[in-house]
């Protein structure tokens, strides 16, 4: 009835994105080493731990990726049957290559689901299943899971709840007739879409905050322990043990949590109100 693709861009060269939030150069060997470490410890184990395996994970790398790193990537992936490594010519080729592959592989499939995940984030082990539960032969429907967690790993480890509308974990259900896929728009542009639902009953994603993020800062809140989430968000054994041993107790950052809760809920209210009033569409 449908094919489901989870799609990640990894190190595609992009002229509009060349420094981290600390003004460090992107796509250097140091940057790639760090991303592979994040991918190996957070993103990859969370995806391969999905309870529903009826999906294909497409991961797009730049064609200039050195052979040494291609080997490291292959070693991380191993023999996972539903992961495909794609090497292409930078961001300009990203969307056309997605369209070409999906068109070729799904000609006889009536519906398509596409989901996105960044290479330094992770998803709950039921994420794929929860997205597919929303499928009901819709012509076109975006799925915005607005509840998740924020996990800061440096300079100190902190874990909190997070709400984020139009976030980087958007999925799209559509009829397979010249499909657009979830990557037709950047995640922020989905705020203009009217054919979208919000999933609010489960926390299905975890955004990882680290020193080389392009934009994100830690804004988690609430008294959440690692024991509360570790069975649902599967990380590497080493990273799970590190978090359990070093997570900052809530008593040490409760005031930051209080401020973050005010900020997150204000942004959520503001964006939800603008969406309801059609302000985003008026700005098109």
C-alpha atoms as a PDB file:
ATOM      1  CA  UNK A   1       0.000   0.000   0.000  1.00  0.00           C
ATOM      2  CA  UNK A   2       2.844   2.406   0.799  1.00  0.00           C
ATOM      3  CA  UNK A   3       6.625   2.690   0.870  1.00  0.00           C
ATOM      4  CA  UNK A   4       8.241   4.560   3.748  1.00  0.00           C
ATOM      5  CA  UNK A   5      11.602   6.311   3.410  1.00  0.00           C
ATOM      6  CA  UNK A   6      13.520   7.911   6.265  1.00  0.00           C
ATOM      7  CA  UNK A   7      15.911  10.444   4.701  1.00  0.00           C
ATOM      8  CA  UNK A   8      19.076  12.041   6.118  1.00  0.00           C
ATOM      9  CA  UNK A   9      21.575  14.438   4.600  1.00  0.00           C
ATOM     10  CA  UNK A  10      25.021  14.014   6.092  1.00  0.00           C
ATOM     11  CA  UNK A  11      27.908  16.109   4.744  1.00  0.00           C
ATOM     12  CA  UNK A  12      26.529  17.574   1.530  1.00  0.00           C
ATOM     13  CA  UNK A  13      28.337  20.736   0.491  1.00  0.00           C
ATOM     14  CA  UNK A  14      26.104  23.766   0.739  1.00  0.00           C
ATOM     15  CA  UNK A  15      27.299  27.308  -0.098  1.00  0.00           C
ATOM     16  CA  UNK A  16      24.730  28.729   2.353  1.00  0.00           C
ATOM     17  CA  UNK A  17      25.985  26.697   5.315  1.00  0.00           C
ATOM     18  CA  UNK A  18      29.693  26.917   6.002  1.00  0.00           C
ATOM     19  CA  UNK A  19      30.248  27.534   9.738  1.00  0.00           C
ATOM     20  CA  UNK A  20      29.018  26.178  13.064  1.00  0.00           C
ATOM     21  CA  UNK A  21      27.412  28.360  15.726  1.00  0.00           C
ATOM     22  CA  UNK A  22      30.957  28.844  17.092  1.00  0.00           C
ATOM     23  CA  UNK A  23      32.129  30.088  13.656  1.00  0.00           C
ATOM     24  CA  UNK A  24      34.162  26.940  13.034  1.00  0.00           C
ATOM     25  CA  UNK A  25      34.474  25.636   9.475  1.00  0.00           C
ATOM     26  CA  UNK A  26      32.098  22.894   8.414  1.00  0.00           C
ATOM     27  CA  UNK A  27      32.828  19.742   6.400  1.00  0.00           C
ATOM     28  CA  UNK A  28      36.463  19.581   7.513  1.00  0.00           C
ATOM     29  CA  UNK A  29      37.967  16.264   8.627  1.00  0.00           C
ATOM     30  CA  UNK A  30      37.497  17.374  12.244  1.00  0.00           C
ATOM     31  CA  UNK A  31      33.828  18.197  11.611  1.00  0.00           C
ATOM     32  CA  UNK A  32      33.262  14.868   9.867  1.00  0.00           C
ATOM     33  CA  UNK A  33      34.945  12.908  12.664  1.00  0.00           C
ATOM     34  CA  UNK A  34      32.693  14.611  15.185  1.00  0.00           C
ATOM     35  CA  UNK A  35      29.557  13.990  13.111  1.00  0.00           C
ATOM     36  CA  UNK A  36      30.422  10.329  12.698  1.00  0.00           C
ATOM     37  CA  UNK A  37      30.869  10.074  16.465  1.00  0.00           C
ATOM     38  CA  UNK A  38      27.438  11.647  17.011  1.00  0.00           C
ATOM     39  CA  UNK A  39      25.891   9.464  14.326  1.00  0.00           C
ATOM     40  CA  UNK A  40      27.388   6.280  15.771  1.00  0.00           C
ATOM     41  CA  UNK A  41      26.352   7.034  19.357  1.00  0.00           C
ATOM     42  CA  UNK A  42      22.950   8.698  18.896  1.00  0.00           C
ATOM     43  CA  UNK A  43      21.273   8.662  15.497  1.00  0.00           C
ATOM     44  CA  UNK A  44      22.249   5.253  14.144  1.00  0.00           C
ATOM     45  CA  UNK A  45      21.399   3.105  17.209  1.00  0.00           C
ATOM     46  CA  UNK A  46      18.051   4.863  17.633  1.00  0.00           C
ATOM     47  CA  UNK A  47      17.038   4.118  14.047  1.00  0.00           C
ATOM     48  CA  UNK A  48      18.154   0.494  13.928  1.00  0.00           C
ATOM     49  CA  UNK A  49      16.260  -0.111  17.190  1.00  0.00           C
ATOM     50  CA  UNK A  50      12.891   0.709  15.562  1.00  0.00           C
ATOM     51  CA  UNK A  51      10.197  -1.783  16.486  1.00  0.00           C
ATOM     52  CA  UNK A  52       8.687  -1.388  13.006  1.00  0.00           C
ATOM     53  CA  UNK A  53      11.279  -2.242  10.332  1.00  0.00           C
ATOM     54  CA  UNK A  54       9.047  -1.555   7.324  1.00  0.00           C
ATOM     55  CA  UNK A  55      11.046   1.397   6.021  1.00  0.00           C
ATOM     56  CA  UNK A  56      14.193   2.253   4.089  1.00  0.00           C
ATOM     57  CA  UNK A  57      16.766   4.705   5.443  1.00  0.00           C
ATOM     58  CA  UNK A  58      18.478   6.789   2.763  1.00  0.00           C
ATOM     59  CA  UNK A  59      21.626   8.598   3.946  1.00  0.00           C
ATOM     60  CA  UNK A  60      23.164  11.095   1.535  1.00  0.00           C
ATOM     61  CA  UNK A  61      26.884  11.863   1.598  1.00  0.00           C
ATOM     62  CA  UNK A  62      28.921  14.203  -0.567  1.00  0.00           C
ATOM     63  CA  UNK A  63      30.743  12.566  -3.453  1.00  0.00           C
ATOM     64  CA  UNK A  64      33.974  14.198  -2.198  1.00  0.00           C
ATOM     65  CA  UNK A  65      33.868  12.204   1.063  1.00  0.00           C
ATOM     66  CA  UNK A  66      37.391  10.710   1.458  1.00  0.00           C
ATOM     67  CA  UNK A  67      37.712   6.955   1.162  1.00  0.00           C
ATOM     68  CA  UNK A  68      38.905   6.639   4.767  1.00  0.00           C
ATOM     69  CA  UNK A  69      35.610   8.089   5.972  1.00  0.00           C
ATOM     70  CA  UNK A  70      33.584   6.026   3.534  1.00  0.00           C
ATOM     71  CA  UNK A  71      35.141   2.985   5.150  1.00  0.00           C
ATOM     72  CA  UNK A  72      34.328   4.234   8.644  1.00  0.00           C
ATOM     73  CA  UNK A  73      30.742   4.873   7.590  1.00  0.00           C
ATOM     74  CA  UNK A  74      30.433   1.397   6.102  1.00  0.00           C
ATOM     75  CA  UNK A  75      31.801  -0.117   9.320  1.00  0.00           C
ATOM     76  CA  UNK A  76      29.203   1.708  11.408  1.00  0.00           C
ATOM     77  CA  UNK A  77      26.338   0.602   9.158  1.00  0.00           C
ATOM     78  CA  UNK A  78      27.506  -2.977   8.902  1.00  0.00           C
ATOM     79  CA  UNK A  79      25.030  -5.305   7.200  1.00  0.00           C
ATOM     80  CA  UNK A  80      21.816  -3.495   8.147  1.00  0.00           C
ATOM     81  CA  UNK A  81      19.510  -4.467   5.252  1.00  0.00           C
ATOM     82  CA  UNK A  82      17.299  -1.378   5.096  1.00  0.00           C
ATOM     83  CA  UNK A  83      20.016   1.297   5.083  1.00  0.00           C
ATOM     84  CA  UNK A  84      21.271   2.753   1.796  1.00  0.00           C
ATOM     85  CA  UNK A  85      24.345   4.984   1.513  1.00  0.00           C
ATOM     86  CA  UNK A  86      24.122   7.460  -1.365  1.00  0.00           C
ATOM     87  CA  UNK A  87      27.068   9.572  -2.605  1.00  0.00           C
ATOM     88  CA  UNK A  88      26.007  12.626  -4.614  1.00  0.00           C
ATOM     89  CA  UNK A  89      27.303  16.018  -5.783  1.00  0.00           C
ATOM     90  CA  UNK A  90      26.368  18.299  -2.889  1.00  0.00           C
ATOM     91  CA  UNK A  91      23.105  19.929  -1.824  1.00  0.00           C
ATOM     92  CA  UNK A  92      22.069  21.006  -5.352  1.00  0.00           C
ATOM     93  CA  UNK A  93      21.757  17.304  -6.255  1.00  0.00           C
ATOM     94  CA  UNK A  94      20.012  16.257  -3.024  1.00  0.00           C
ATOM     95  CA  UNK A  95      16.350  16.778  -3.884  1.00  0.00           C
ATOM     96  CA  UNK A  96      16.647  15.678  -7.542  1.00  0.00           C
ATOM     97  CA  UNK A  97      18.391  12.464  -6.442  1.00  0.00           C
ATOM     98  CA  UNK A  98      15.663  11.719  -3.877  1.00  0.00           C
ATOM     99  CA  UNK A  99      12.983  12.197  -6.520  1.00  0.00           C
ATOM    100  CA  UNK A 100      14.842  10.049  -9.048  1.00  0.00           C
ATOM    101  CA  UNK A 101      15.345   7.143  -6.655  1.00  0.00           C
ATOM    102  CA  UNK A 102      11.811   7.155  -5.297  1.00  0.00           C
ATOM    103  CA  UNK A 103      10.278   7.468  -8.752  1.00  0.00           C
ATOM    104  CA  UNK A 104      12.304   4.487  -9.964  1.00  0.00           C
ATOM    105  CA  UNK A 105      11.595   2.269  -6.949  1.00  0.00           C
ATOM    106  CA  UNK A 106       7.938   2.957  -6.190  1.00  0.00           C
ATOM    107  CA  UNK A 107       6.240   3.085  -9.592  1.00  0.00           C
ATOM    108  CA  UNK A 108       3.718   0.406  -8.563  1.00  0.00           C
ATOM    109  CA  UNK A 109       3.190   1.639  -4.985  1.00  0.00           C
ATOM    110  CA  UNK A 110       0.083   3.833  -4.583  1.00  0.00           C
ATOM    111  CA  UNK A 111       1.221   5.840  -1.544  1.00  0.00           C
ATOM    112  CA  UNK A 112       4.442   7.213  -0.145  1.00  0.00           C
ATOM    113  CA  UNK A 113       5.586   8.202   3.339  1.00  0.00           C
ATOM    114  CA  UNK A 114       8.785  10.184   3.755  1.00  0.00           C
ATOM    115  CA  UNK A 115      10.306  11.220   7.092  1.00  0.00           C
ATOM    116  CA  UNK A 116      13.402  13.189   7.932  1.00  0.00           C
ATOM    117  CA  UNK A 117      16.030  12.994  10.661  1.00  0.00           C
ATOM    118  CA  UNK A 118      19.270  14.914  11.093  1.00  0.00           C
ATOM    119  CA  UNK A 119      22.425  12.872  11.521  1.00  0.00           C
ATOM    120  CA  UNK A 120      23.063  14.135  15.064  1.00  0.00           C
ATOM    121  CA  UNK A 121      19.577  13.543  16.495  1.00  0.00           C
ATOM    122  CA  UNK A 122      17.661  10.429  17.509  1.00  0.00           C
ATOM    123  CA  UNK A 123      14.135   9.046  17.551  1.00  0.00           C
ATOM    124  CA  UNK A 124      12.070   6.944  19.909  1.00  0.00           C
ATOM    125  CA  UNK A 125      12.047   3.240  19.057  1.00  0.00           C
ATOM    126  CA  UNK A 126       8.375   3.500  18.038  1.00  0.00           C
ATOM    127  CA  UNK A 127       8.753   6.600  15.850  1.00  0.00           C
ATOM    128  CA  UNK A 128       8.346   4.819  12.500  1.00  0.00           C
ATOM    129  CA  UNK A 129       5.396   2.832  13.797  1.00  0.00           C
ATOM    130  CA  UNK A 130       3.635   5.923  15.166  1.00  0.00           C
ATOM    131  CA  UNK A 131       4.020   7.735  11.852  1.00  0.00           C
ATOM    132  CA  UNK A 132       2.657   4.783   9.921  1.00  0.00           C
ATOM    133  CA  UNK A 133      -0.344   4.572  12.260  1.00  0.00           C
ATOM    134  CA  UNK A 134      -1.397   7.962  10.858  1.00  0.00           C
ATOM    135  CA  UNK A 135      -1.621   6.543   7.340  1.00  0.00           C
ATOM    136  CA  UNK A 136      -5.160   6.380   5.955  1.00  0.00           C
ATOM    137  CA  UNK A 137      -4.665   6.721   2.197  1.00  0.00           C
ATOM    138  CA  UNK A 138      -4.386  10.516   2.451  1.00  0.00           C
ATOM    139  CA  UNK A 139      -3.746  12.437  -0.756  1.00  0.00           C
ATOM    140  CA  UNK A 140      -1.328  14.753   1.035  1.00  0.00           C
ATOM    141  CA  UNK A 141      -0.762  15.155   4.782  1.00  0.00           C
ATOM    142  CA  UNK A 142       2.223  16.385   6.784  1.00  0.00           C
ATOM    143  CA  UNK A 143       2.728  14.953  10.267  1.00  0.00           C
ATOM    144  CA  UNK A 144       4.311  17.247  12.828  1.00  0.00           C
ATOM    145  CA  UNK A 145       5.287  15.457  16.049  1.00  0.00           C
ATOM    146  CA  UNK A 146       5.681  18.455  18.302  1.00  0.00           C
ATOM    147  CA  UNK A 147       6.758  16.774  21.553  1.00  0.00           C
ATOM    148  CA  UNK A 148      10.215  15.418  22.223  1.00  0.00           C
ATOM    149  CA  UNK A 149      13.258  15.901  24.411  1.00  0.00           C
ATOM    150  CA  UNK A 150      16.379  18.029  24.323  1.00  0.00           C
ATOM    151  CA  UNK A 151      19.642  16.432  25.429  1.00  0.00           C
ATOM    152  CA  UNK A 152      22.733  18.567  25.904  1.00  0.00           C
ATOM    153  CA  UNK A 153      25.959  16.569  25.958  1.00  0.00           C
ATOM    154  CA  UNK A 154      28.510  19.397  26.395  1.00  0.00           C
ATOM    155  CA  UNK A 155      29.739  21.248  28.404  1.00  0.00           C
ATOM    156  CA  UNK A 156      27.493  19.444  30.910  1.00  0.00           C
ATOM    157  CA  UNK A 157      24.863  16.767  30.317  1.00  0.00           C
ATOM    158  CA  UNK A 158      21.284  17.984  30.771  1.00  0.00           C
ATOM    159  CA  UNK A 159      18.019  16.388  29.673  1.00  0.00           C
ATOM    160  CA  UNK A 160      14.629  18.053  29.440  1.00  0.00           C
ATOM    161  CA  UNK A 161      11.275  18.081  27.697  1.00  0.00           C
ATOM    162  CA  UNK A 162      10.841  20.130  24.554  1.00  0.00           C
ATOM    163  CA  UNK A 163       7.954  21.230  22.335  1.00  0.00           C
ATOM    164  CA  UNK A 164       8.765  22.342  18.806  1.00  0.00           C
ATOM    165  CA  UNK A 165       6.299  22.907  15.975  1.00  0.00           C
ATOM    166  CA  UNK A 166       7.496  22.535  12.363  1.00  0.00           C
ATOM    167  CA  UNK A 167      10.584  20.709  13.618  1.00  0.00           C
ATOM    168  CA  UNK A 168      13.268  18.619  11.842  1.00  0.00           C
ATOM    169  CA  UNK A 169      11.310  15.368  12.395  1.00  0.00           C
ATOM    170  CA  UNK A 170       8.450  16.124   9.979  1.00  0.00           C
ATOM    171  CA  UNK A 171       6.886  13.300   7.946  1.00  0.00           C
ATOM    172  CA  UNK A 172       4.744  13.474   4.815  1.00  0.00           C
ATOM    173  CA  UNK A 173       2.082  11.066   3.570  1.00  0.00           C
ATOM    174  CA  UNK A 174       1.102  11.541  -0.072  1.00  0.00           C
ATOM    175  CA  UNK A 175      -0.348   9.810  -3.067  1.00  0.00           C
ATOM    176  CA  UNK A 176       2.433   8.509  -5.255  1.00  0.00           C
ATOM    177  CA  UNK A 177       1.637  10.689  -8.255  1.00  0.00           C
ATOM    178  CA  UNK A 178       4.633  12.941  -8.872  1.00  0.00           C
ATOM    179  CA  UNK A 179       5.348  12.938  -5.106  1.00  0.00           C
ATOM    180  CA  UNK A 180       6.957  15.972  -3.507  1.00  0.00           C
ATOM    181  CA  UNK A 181       8.530  14.174  -0.472  1.00  0.00           C
ATOM    182  CA  UNK A 182       9.181  15.750   2.918  1.00  0.00           C
ATOM    183  CA  UNK A 183      12.407  17.334   1.652  1.00  0.00           C
ATOM    184  CA  UNK A 184      10.654  19.580  -0.857  1.00  0.00           C
ATOM    185  CA  UNK A 185      10.657  22.201   1.909  1.00  0.00           C
ATOM    186  CA  UNK A 186      12.948  22.920   4.811  1.00  0.00           C
ATOM    187  CA  UNK A 187      11.156  22.013   8.035  1.00  0.00           C
ATOM    188  CA  UNK A 188      10.363  25.656   8.924  1.00  0.00           C
ATOM    189  CA  UNK A 189       8.422  26.110   5.678  1.00  0.00           C
ATOM    190  CA  UNK A 190       5.791  23.587   6.753  1.00  0.00           C
ATOM    191  CA  UNK A 191       4.265  26.342   8.869  1.00  0.00           C
ATOM    192  CA  UNK A 192       2.606  27.584   5.644  1.00  0.00           C
ATOM    193  CA  UNK A 193       1.025  24.207   4.881  1.00  0.00           C
ATOM    194  CA  UNK A 194      -2.674  23.762   5.653  1.00  0.00           C
ATOM    195  CA  UNK A 195      -2.674  19.984   5.130  1.00  0.00           C
ATOM    196  CA  UNK A 196      -0.850  19.172   8.356  1.00  0.00           C
ATOM    197  CA  UNK A 197      -1.669  17.531  11.685  1.00  0.00           C
ATOM    198  CA  UNK A 198       0.123  17.755  15.016  1.00  0.00           C
ATOM    199  CA  UNK A 199       0.886  14.676  17.091  1.00  0.00           C
ATOM    200  CA  UNK A 200       0.876  15.636  20.763  1.00  0.00           C
ATOM    201  CA  UNK A 201       0.262  12.420  22.708  1.00  0.00           C
ATOM    202  CA  UNK A 202       3.820  11.028  22.707  1.00  0.00           C
ATOM    203  CA  UNK A 203       7.393  12.310  22.846  1.00  0.00           C
ATOM    204  CA  UNK A 204       8.963  10.700  19.802  1.00  0.00           C
ATOM    205  CA  UNK A 205      12.256  12.529  19.190  1.00  0.00           C
ATOM    206  CA  UNK A 206      15.358  13.753  20.973  1.00  0.00           C
ATOM    207  CA  UNK A 207      17.376  16.715  19.754  1.00  0.00           C
ATOM    208  CA  UNK A 208      21.067  16.451  20.641  1.00  0.00           C
ATOM    209  CA  UNK A 209      22.720  19.739  21.620  1.00  0.00           C
ATOM    210  CA  UNK A 210      26.478  19.858  21.176  1.00  0.00           C
ATOM    211  CA  UNK A 211      29.234  22.405  20.615  1.00  0.00           C
ATOM    212  CA  UNK A 212      29.128  22.176  16.824  1.00  0.00           C
ATOM    213  CA  UNK A 213      25.412  22.740  16.254  1.00  0.00           C
ATOM    214  CA  UNK A 214      24.696  25.251  13.520  1.00  0.00           C
ATOM    215  CA  UNK A 215      21.841  26.939  15.415  1.00  0.00           C
ATOM    216  CA  UNK A 216      20.324  24.937  18.269  1.00  0.00           C
ATOM    217  CA  UNK A 217      20.798  25.764  21.937  1.00  0.00           C
ATOM    218  CA  UNK A 218      19.619  23.731  24.937  1.00  0.00           C
ATOM    219  CA  UNK A 219      16.138  24.797  25.998  1.00  0.00           C
ATOM    220  CA  UNK A 220      14.869  21.649  27.667  1.00  0.00           C
ATOM    221  CA  UNK A 221      12.888  21.799  30.898  1.00  0.00           C
ATOM    222  CA  UNK A 222      11.453  19.572  33.585  1.00  0.00           C
ATOM    223  CA  UNK A 223      12.771  16.969  35.992  1.00  0.00           C
ATOM    224  CA  UNK A 224      13.567  14.169  33.527  1.00  0.00           C
ATOM    225  CA  UNK A 225      16.035  11.428  34.426  1.00  0.00           C
ATOM    226  CA  UNK A 226      17.875   9.149  32.027  1.00  0.00           C
ATOM    227  CA  UNK A 227      16.004   6.184  33.517  1.00  0.00           C
ATOM    228  CA  UNK A 228      12.773   7.822  32.322  1.00  0.00           C
ATOM    229  CA  UNK A 229      13.751   7.548  28.647  1.00  0.00           C
ATOM    230  CA  UNK A 230      16.624   5.101  28.178  1.00  0.00           C
ATOM    231  CA  UNK A 231      14.410   2.143  27.238  1.00  0.00           C
ATOM    232  CA  UNK A 232      12.655   4.131  24.503  1.00  0.00           C
ATOM    233  CA  UNK A 233      15.575   6.083  23.066  1.00  0.00           C
ATOM    234  CA  UNK A 234      18.283   3.574  22.247  1.00  0.00           C
ATOM    235  CA  UNK A 235      21.819   4.981  22.157  1.00  0.00           C
ATOM    236  CA  UNK A 236      25.157   3.200  22.096  1.00  0.00           C
ATOM    237  CA  UNK A 237      25.859   1.335  25.332  1.00  0.00           C
ATOM    238  CA  UNK A 238      28.856   3.570  25.999  1.00  0.00           C
ATOM    239  CA  UNK A 239      26.894   6.785  25.567  1.00  0.00           C
ATOM    240  CA  UNK A 240      23.960   5.551  27.635  1.00  0.00           C
ATOM    241  CA  UNK A 241      26.353   4.692  30.479  1.00  0.00           C
ATOM    242  CA  UNK A 242      28.088   8.080  30.186  1.00  0.00           C
ATOM    243  CA  UNK A 243      24.787   9.939  30.408  1.00  0.00           C
ATOM    244  CA  UNK A 244      23.597   7.855  33.369  1.00  0.00           C
ATOM    245  CA  UNK A 245      26.829   8.536  35.268  1.00  0.00           C
ATOM    246  CA  UNK A 246      27.192  12.240  34.474  1.00  0.00           C
ATOM    247  CA  UNK A 247      23.762  13.786  33.944  1.00  0.00           C
ATOM    248  CA  UNK A 248      23.340  17.006  35.905  1.00  0.00           C
ATOM    249  CA  UNK A 249      20.772  16.590  38.686  1.00  0.00           C
ATOM    250  CA  UNK A 250      17.653  18.710  38.258  1.00  0.00           C
ATOM    251  CA  UNK A 251      18.405  20.488  41.534  1.00  0.00           C
ATOM    252  CA  UNK A 252      21.476  22.017  39.862  1.00  0.00           C
ATOM    253  CA  UNK A 253      19.581  23.606  36.956  1.00  0.00           C
ATOM    254  CA  UNK A 254      15.970  24.055  38.091  1.00  0.00           C
ATOM    255  CA  UNK A 255      16.028  27.800  37.502  1.00  0.00           C
ATOM    256  CA  UNK A 256      17.323  27.321  33.948  1.00  0.00           C
ATOM    257  CA  UNK A 257      14.540  24.769  33.512  1.00  0.00           C
ATOM    258  CA  UNK A 258      11.996  27.339  34.714  1.00  0.00           C
ATOM    259  CA  UNK A 259      13.219  29.941  32.211  1.00  0.00           C
ATOM    260  CA  UNK A 260      13.347  27.377  29.403  1.00  0.00           C
ATOM    261  CA  UNK A 261       9.779  26.252  30.110  1.00  0.00           C
ATOM    262  CA  UNK A 262       8.543  29.835  29.829  1.00  0.00           C
ATOM    263  CA  UNK A 263      10.457  30.335  26.573  1.00  0.00           C
ATOM    264  CA  UNK A 264       9.462  27.035  24.929  1.00  0.00           C
ATOM    265  CA  UNK A 265       5.799  27.396  25.775  1.00  0.00           C
ATOM    266  CA  UNK A 266       5.706  31.026  24.658  1.00  0.00           C
ATOM    267  CA  UNK A 267       7.214  30.126  21.286  1.00  0.00           C
ATOM    268  CA  UNK A 268       4.792  27.211  20.973  1.00  0.00           C
ATOM    269  CA  UNK A 269       1.812  29.441  21.769  1.00  0.00           C
ATOM    270  CA  UNK A 270       3.000  32.195  19.425  1.00  0.00           C
ATOM    271  CA  UNK A 271       3.581  29.895  16.456  1.00  0.00           C
ATOM    272  CA  UNK A 272       0.344  27.981  17.037  1.00  0.00           C
ATOM    273  CA  UNK A 273      -1.625  31.223  17.174  1.00  0.00           C
ATOM    274  CA  UNK A 274      -0.024  32.549  13.987  1.00  0.00           C
ATOM    275  CA  UNK A 275      -0.798  29.259  12.269  1.00  0.00           C
ATOM    276  CA  UNK A 276      -4.432  29.362  13.413  1.00  0.00           C
ATOM    277  CA  UNK A 277      -4.821  32.956  12.226  1.00  0.00           C
ATOM    278  CA  UNK A 278      -3.278  32.173   8.843  1.00  0.00           C
ATOM    279  CA  UNK A 279      -0.495  34.745   9.335  1.00  0.00           C
ATOM    280  CA  UNK A 280       2.182  32.470   7.854  1.00  0.00           C
ATOM    281  CA  UNK A 281       0.157  32.019   4.667  1.00  0.00           C
ATOM    282  CA  UNK A 282      -0.446  35.767   4.387  1.00  0.00           C
ATOM    283  CA  UNK A 283       3.330  36.304   4.313  1.00  0.00           C
ATOM    284  CA  UNK A 284       3.863  34.008   1.317  1.00  0.00           C
END
